[in-house]
Amino acid sequence: MDILIGIVIAFIIIVAGYVGYHASQNTDLGGHDISLELEVLNTNTNSIQTLNQVVIKSIS
């Protein structure tokens, strides 16, 4: 039984190493564009500020 557990653990380590190596070599994934997120966040912030001004004016 100990041999089977050892084989399973070795298999998991080998697969994790292969997947990690393969993921680190794949460079054509497109990347992460933070400028788009900042643009969306800025748009949402402006919308929230405008909505707050409308609500404050309607309450006053």
PDB file of N, CA and C in Angstrom:
ATOM      1  N   MET A   1       0.821  -1.194   0.000  1.00  0.00           N
ATOM      2  CA  MET A   1       0.000   0.000   0.000  1.00  0.00           C
ATOM      3  C   MET A   1       0.870   1.266   0.000  1.00  0.00           C
ATOM      4  N   ASP A   2       1.989   1.221   0.705  1.00  0.00           N
ATOM      5  CA  ASP A   2       2.878   2.383   0.745  1.00  0.00           C
ATOM      6  C   ASP A   2       3.479   2.676  -0.630  1.00  0.00           C
ATOM      7  N   ILE A   3       3.718   1.635  -1.413  1.00  0.00           N
ATOM      8  CA  ILE A   3       4.272   1.824  -2.751  1.00  0.00           C
ATOM      9  C   ILE A   3       3.256   2.533  -3.644  1.00  0.00           C
ATOM     10  N   LEU A   4       1.985   2.166  -3.515  1.00  0.00           N
ATOM     11  CA  LEU A   4       0.942   2.801  -4.321  1.00  0.00           C
ATOM     12  C   LEU A   4       0.800   4.278  -3.971  1.00  0.00           C
ATOM     13  N   ILE A   5       0.831   4.592  -2.697  1.00  0.00           N
ATOM     14  CA  ILE A   5       0.759   5.998  -2.269  1.00  0.00           C
ATOM     15  C   ILE A   5       1.964   6.767  -2.805  1.00  0.00           C
ATOM     16  N   GLY A   6       3.138   6.171  -2.763  1.00  0.00           N
ATOM     17  CA  GLY A   6       4.336   6.814  -3.295  1.00  0.00           C
ATOM     18  C   GLY A   6       4.246   7.061  -4.780  1.00  0.00           C
ATOM     19  N   ILE A   7       3.699   6.097  -5.513  1.00  0.00           N
ATOM     20  CA  ILE A   7       3.523   6.262  -6.966  1.00  0.00           C
ATOM     21  C   ILE A   7       2.544   7.394  -7.266  1.00  0.00           C
ATOM     22  N   VAL A   8       1.454   7.458  -6.521  1.00  0.00           N
ATOM     23  CA  VAL A   8       0.454   8.517  -6.740  1.00  0.00           C
ATOM     24  C   VAL A   8       1.061   9.884  -6.443  1.00  0.00           C
ATOM     25  N   ILE A   9       1.786   9.996  -5.346  1.00  0.00           N
ATOM     26  CA  ILE A   9       2.410  11.283  -5.003  1.00  0.00           C
ATOM     27  C   ILE A   9       3.441  11.676  -6.056  1.00  0.00           C
ATOM     28  N   ALA A  10       4.236  10.732  -6.520  1.00  0.00           N
ATOM     29  CA  ALA A  10       5.222  11.024  -7.568  1.00  0.00           C
ATOM     30  C   ALA A  10       4.534  11.460  -8.852  1.00  0.00           C
ATOM     31  N   PHE A  11       3.440  10.803  -9.195  1.00  0.00           N
ATOM     32  CA  PHE A  11       2.692  11.174 -10.397  1.00  0.00           C
ATOM     33  C   PHE A  11       2.156  12.596 -10.289  1.00  0.00           C
ATOM     34  N   ILE A  12       1.611  12.946  -9.120  1.00  0.00           N
ATOM     35  CA  ILE A  12       1.081  14.309  -8.927  1.00  0.00           C
ATOM     36  C   ILE A  12       2.201  15.333  -9.052  1.00  0.00           C
ATOM     37  N   ILE A  13       3.354  15.058  -8.493  1.00  0.00           N
ATOM     38  CA  ILE A  13       4.484  15.992  -8.570  1.00  0.00           C
ATOM     39  C   ILE A  13       4.966  16.141 -10.008  1.00  0.00           C
ATOM     40  N   ILE A  14       5.045  15.040 -10.736  1.00  0.00           N
ATOM     41  CA  ILE A  14       5.495  15.098 -12.134  1.00  0.00           C
ATOM     42  C   ILE A  14       4.506  15.879 -12.987  1.00  0.00           C
ATOM     43  N   VAL A  15       3.212  15.629 -12.810  1.00  0.00           N
ATOM     44  CA  VAL A  15       2.199  16.354 -13.592  1.00  0.00           C
ATOM     45  C   VAL A  15       2.222  17.834 -13.246  1.00  0.00           C
ATOM     46  N   ALA A  16       2.344  18.176 -11.970  1.00  0.00           N
ATOM     47  CA  ALA A  16       2.391  19.588 -11.570  1.00  0.00           C
ATOM     48  C   ALA A  16       3.620  20.277 -12.171  1.00  0.00           C
ATOM     49  N   GLY A  17       4.743  19.583 -12.182  1.00  0.00           N
ATOM     50  CA  GLY A  17       5.944  20.160 -12.794  1.00  0.00           C
ATOM     51  C   GLY A  17       5.786  20.367 -14.285  1.00  0.00           C
ATOM     52  N   TYR A  18       5.178  19.392 -14.961  1.00  0.00           N
ATOM     53  CA  TYR A  18       4.967  19.519 -16.404  1.00  0.00           C
ATOM     54  C   TYR A  18       4.013  20.668 -16.719  1.00  0.00           C
ATOM     55  N   VAL A  19       2.913  20.750 -15.981  1.00  0.00           N
ATOM     56  CA  VAL A  19       1.936  21.820 -16.228  1.00  0.00           C
ATOM     57  C   VAL A  19       2.553  23.182 -15.938  1.00  0.00           C
ATOM     58  N   GLY A  20       3.313  23.295 -14.855  1.00  0.00           N
ATOM     59  CA  GLY A  20       3.967  24.561 -14.523  1.00  0.00           C
ATOM     60  C   GLY A  20       4.973  24.968 -15.573  1.00  0.00           C
ATOM     61  N   TYR A  21       5.761  24.017 -16.055  1.00  0.00           N
ATOM     62  CA  TYR A  21       6.749  24.332 -17.082  1.00  0.00           C
ATOM     63  C   TYR A  21       6.062  24.747 -18.377  1.00  0.00           C
ATOM     64  N   HIS A  22       5.022  24.013 -18.758  1.00  0.00           N
ATOM     65  CA  HIS A  22       4.316  24.323 -19.990  1.00  0.00           C
ATOM     66  C   HIS A  22       3.650  25.697 -19.900  1.00  0.00           C
ATOM     67  N   ALA A  23       3.072  26.023 -18.770  1.00  0.00           N
ATOM     68  CA  ALA A  23       2.428  27.323 -18.604  1.00  0.00           C
ATOM     69  C   ALA A  23       3.450  28.451 -18.638  1.00  0.00           C
ATOM     70  N   SER A  24       4.636  28.223 -18.121  1.00  0.00           N
ATOM     71  CA  SER A  24       5.644  29.280 -18.116  1.00  0.00           C
ATOM     72  C   SER A  24       6.240  29.503 -19.503  1.00  0.00           C
ATOM     73  N   GLN A  25       6.168  28.511 -20.385  1.00  0.00           N
ATOM     74  CA  GLN A  25       6.727  28.637 -21.723  1.00  0.00           C
ATOM     75  C   GLN A  25       5.747  29.242 -22.716  1.00  0.00           C
ATOM     76  N   ASN A  26       4.476  29.238 -22.397  1.00  0.00           N
ATOM     77  CA  ASN A  26       3.453  29.739 -23.306  1.00  0.00           C
ATOM     78  C   ASN A  26       3.334  31.249 -23.133  1.00  0.00           C
ATOM     79  N   THR A  27       3.891  32.017 -24.092  1.00  0.00           N
ATOM     80  CA  THR A  27       3.932  33.469 -23.942  1.00  0.00           C
ATOM     81  C   THR A  27       2.935  34.200 -24.835  1.00  0.00           C
ATOM     82  N   ASP A  28       2.186  33.507 -25.669  1.00  0.00           N
ATOM     83  CA  ASP A  28       1.283  34.176 -26.604  1.00  0.00           C
ATOM     84  C   ASP A  28      -0.164  34.139 -26.114  1.00  0.00           C
ATOM     85  N   LEU A  29      -0.355  34.425 -24.842  1.00  0.00           N
ATOM     86  CA  LEU A  29      -1.707  34.378 -24.280  1.00  0.00           C
ATOM     87  C   LEU A  29      -2.443  35.705 -24.412  1.00  0.00           C
ATOM     88  N   GLY A  30      -1.785  36.746 -24.840  1.00  0.00           N
ATOM     89  CA  GLY A  30      -2.459  38.022 -25.024  1.00  0.00           C
ATOM     90  C   GLY A  30      -2.140  39.016 -23.921  1.00  0.00           C
ATOM     91  N   GLY A  31      -1.782  38.564 -22.774  1.00  0.00           N
ATOM     92  CA  GLY A  31      -1.410  39.457 -21.692  1.00  0.00           C
ATOM     93  C   GLY A  31      -2.598  40.046 -20.966  1.00  0.00           C
ATOM     94  N   HIS A  32      -2.295  40.932 -20.064  1.00  0.00           N
ATOM     95  CA  HIS A  32      -3.304  41.563 -19.219  1.00  0.00           C
ATOM     96  C   HIS A  32      -3.233  43.060 -19.450  1.00  0.00           C
ATOM     97  N   ASP A  33      -4.334  43.654 -19.858  1.00  0.00           N
ATOM     98  CA  ASP A  33      -4.351  45.072 -20.197  1.00  0.00           C
ATOM     99  C   ASP A  33      -4.996  45.857 -19.059  1.00  0.00           C
ATOM    100  N   ILE A  34      -4.172  46.457 -18.222  1.00  0.00           N
ATOM    101  CA  ILE A  34      -4.671  47.197 -17.064  1.00  0.00           C
ATOM    102  C   ILE A  34      -5.305  48.507 -17.494  1.00  0.00           C
ATOM    103  N   SER A  35      -4.901  49.072 -18.647  1.00  0.00           N
ATOM    104  CA  SER A  35      -5.454  50.357 -19.069  1.00  0.00           C
ATOM    105  C   SER A  35      -6.950  50.251 -19.348  1.00  0.00           C
ATOM    106  N   LEU A  36      -7.392  49.131 -19.888  1.00  0.00           N
ATOM    107  CA  LEU A  36      -8.814  48.934 -20.127  1.00  0.00           C
ATOM    108  C   LEU A  36      -9.581  48.893 -18.817  1.00  0.00           C
ATOM    109  N   GLU A  37      -9.028  48.209 -17.825  1.00  0.00           N
ATOM    110  CA  GLU A  37      -9.688  48.150 -16.525  1.00  0.00           C
ATOM    111  C   GLU A  37      -9.749  49.526 -15.879  1.00  0.00           C
ATOM    112  N   LEU A  38      -8.663  50.296 -15.994  1.00  0.00           N
ATOM    113  CA  LEU A  38      -8.670  51.636 -15.423  1.00  0.00           C
ATOM    114  C   LEU A  38      -9.681  52.526 -16.132  1.00  0.00           C
ATOM    115  N   GLU A  39      -9.817  52.366 -17.440  1.00  0.00           N
ATOM    116  CA  GLU A  39     -10.787  53.154 -18.185  1.00  0.00           C
ATOM    117  C   GLU A  39     -12.213  52.827 -17.748  1.00  0.00           C
ATOM    118  N   VAL A  40     -12.496  51.549 -17.572  1.00  0.00           N
ATOM    119  CA  VAL A  40     -13.822  51.140 -17.125  1.00  0.00           C
ATOM    120  C   VAL A  40     -14.078  51.634 -15.711  1.00  0.00           C
ATOM    121  N   LEU A  41     -13.080  51.520 -14.853  1.00  0.00           N
ATOM    122  CA  LEU A  41     -13.222  51.981 -13.475  1.00  0.00           C
ATOM    123  C   LEU A  41     -13.448  53.484 -13.437  1.00  0.00           C
ATOM    124  N   ASN A  42     -12.727  54.226 -14.249  1.00  0.00           N
ATOM    125  CA  ASN A  42     -12.887  55.671 -14.303  1.00  0.00           C
ATOM    126  C   ASN A  42     -14.279  56.030 -14.798  1.00  0.00           C
ATOM    127  N   THR A  43     -14.778  55.324 -15.792  1.00  0.00           N
ATOM    128  CA  THR A  43     -16.118  55.574 -16.311  1.00  0.00           C
ATOM    129  C   THR A  43     -17.156  55.289 -15.237  1.00  0.00           C
ATOM    130  N   ASN A  44     -16.995  54.182 -14.532  1.00  0.00           N
ATOM    131  CA  ASN A  44     -17.940  53.852 -13.471  1.00  0.00           C
ATOM    132  C   ASN A  44     -17.886  54.875 -12.354  1.00  0.00           C
ATOM    133  N   THR A  45     -16.711  55.369 -12.018  1.00  0.00           N
ATOM    134  CA  THR A  45     -16.571  56.365 -10.963  1.00  0.00           C
ATOM    135  C   THR A  45     -17.258  57.656 -11.374  1.00  0.00           C
ATOM    136  N   ASN A  46     -17.075  58.069 -12.613  1.00  0.00           N
ATOM    137  CA  ASN A  46     -17.742  59.284 -13.086  1.00  0.00           C
ATOM    138  C   ASN A  46     -19.254  59.112 -13.072  1.00  0.00           C
ATOM    139  N   SER A  47     -19.732  57.953 -13.440  1.00  0.00           N
ATOM    140  CA  SER A  47     -21.169  57.707 -13.433  1.00  0.00           C
ATOM    141  C   SER A  47     -21.718  57.761 -12.020  1.00  0.00           C
ATOM    142  N   ILE A  48     -20.973  57.196 -11.076  1.00  0.00           N
ATOM    143  CA  ILE A  48     -21.419  57.205  -9.683  1.00  0.00           C
ATOM    144  C   ILE A  48     -21.412  58.633  -9.146  1.00  0.00           C
ATOM    145  N   GLN A  49     -20.390  59.425  -9.490  1.00  0.00           N
ATOM    146  CA  GLN A  49     -20.337  60.805  -9.026  1.00  0.00           C
ATOM    147  C   GLN A  49     -21.497  61.609  -9.605  1.00  0.00           C
ATOM    148  N   THR A  50     -21.809  61.397 -10.877  1.00  0.00           N
ATOM    149  CA  THR A  50     -22.921  62.093 -11.499  1.00  0.00           C
ATOM    150  C   THR A  50     -24.230  61.690 -10.839  1.00  0.00           C
ATOM    151  N   LEU A  51     -24.402  60.416 -10.570  1.00  0.00           N
ATOM    152  CA  LEU A  51     -25.609  59.939  -9.916  1.00  0.00           C
ATOM    153  C   LEU A  51     -25.729  60.532  -8.516  1.00  0.00           C
ATOM    154  N   ASN A  52     -24.626  60.624  -7.786  1.00  0.00           N
ATOM    155  CA  ASN A  52     -24.651  61.214  -6.453  1.00  0.00           C
ATOM    156  C   ASN A  52     -25.068  62.678  -6.530  1.00  0.00           C
ATOM    157  N   GLN A  53     -24.582  63.430  -7.511  1.00  0.00           N
ATOM    158  CA  GLN A  53     -24.934  64.824  -7.649  1.00  0.00           C
ATOM    159  C   GLN A  53     -26.431  64.968  -7.954  1.00  0.00           C
ATOM    160  N   VAL A  54     -26.969  64.102  -8.800  1.00  0.00           N
ATOM    161  CA  VAL A  54     -28.387  64.159  -9.128  1.00  0.00           C
ATOM    162  C   VAL A  54     -29.231  63.848  -7.906  1.00  0.00           C
ATOM    163  N   VAL A  55     -28.832  62.855  -7.144  1.00  0.00           N
ATOM    164  CA  VAL A  55     -29.582  62.478  -5.950  1.00  0.00           C
ATOM    165  C   VAL A  55     -29.523  63.608  -4.919  1.00  0.00           C
ATOM    166  N   ILE A  56     -28.356  64.202  -4.723  1.00  0.00           N
ATOM    167  CA  ILE A  56     -28.217  65.293  -3.752  1.00  0.00           C
ATOM    168  C   ILE A  56     -29.052  66.483  -4.176  1.00  0.00           C
ATOM    169  N   LYS A  57     -29.063  66.821  -5.473  1.00  0.00           N
ATOM    170  CA  LYS A  57     -29.844  67.960  -5.949  1.00  0.00           C
ATOM    171  C   LYS A  57     -31.349  67.683  -5.813  1.00  0.00           C
ATOM    172  N   SER A  58     -31.754  66.447  -6.035  1.00  0.00           N
ATOM    173  CA  SER A  58     -33.180  66.139  -5.947  1.00  0.00           C
ATOM    174  C   SER A  58     -33.644  66.122  -4.490  1.00  0.00           C
ATOM    175  N   ILE A  59     -32.771  65.796  -3.557  1.00  0.00           N
ATOM    176  CA  ILE A  59     -33.133  65.788  -2.140  1.00  0.00           C
ATOM    177  C   ILE A  59     -33.202  67.224  -1.618  1.00  0.00           C
ATOM    178  N   SER A  60     -32.335  68.105  -2.104  1.00  0.00           N
ATOM    179  CA  SER A  60     -32.260  69.485  -1.594  1.00  0.00           C
ATOM    180  C   SER A  60     -33.449  70.302  -1.958  1.00  0.00           C
TER     181      SER A  60
END
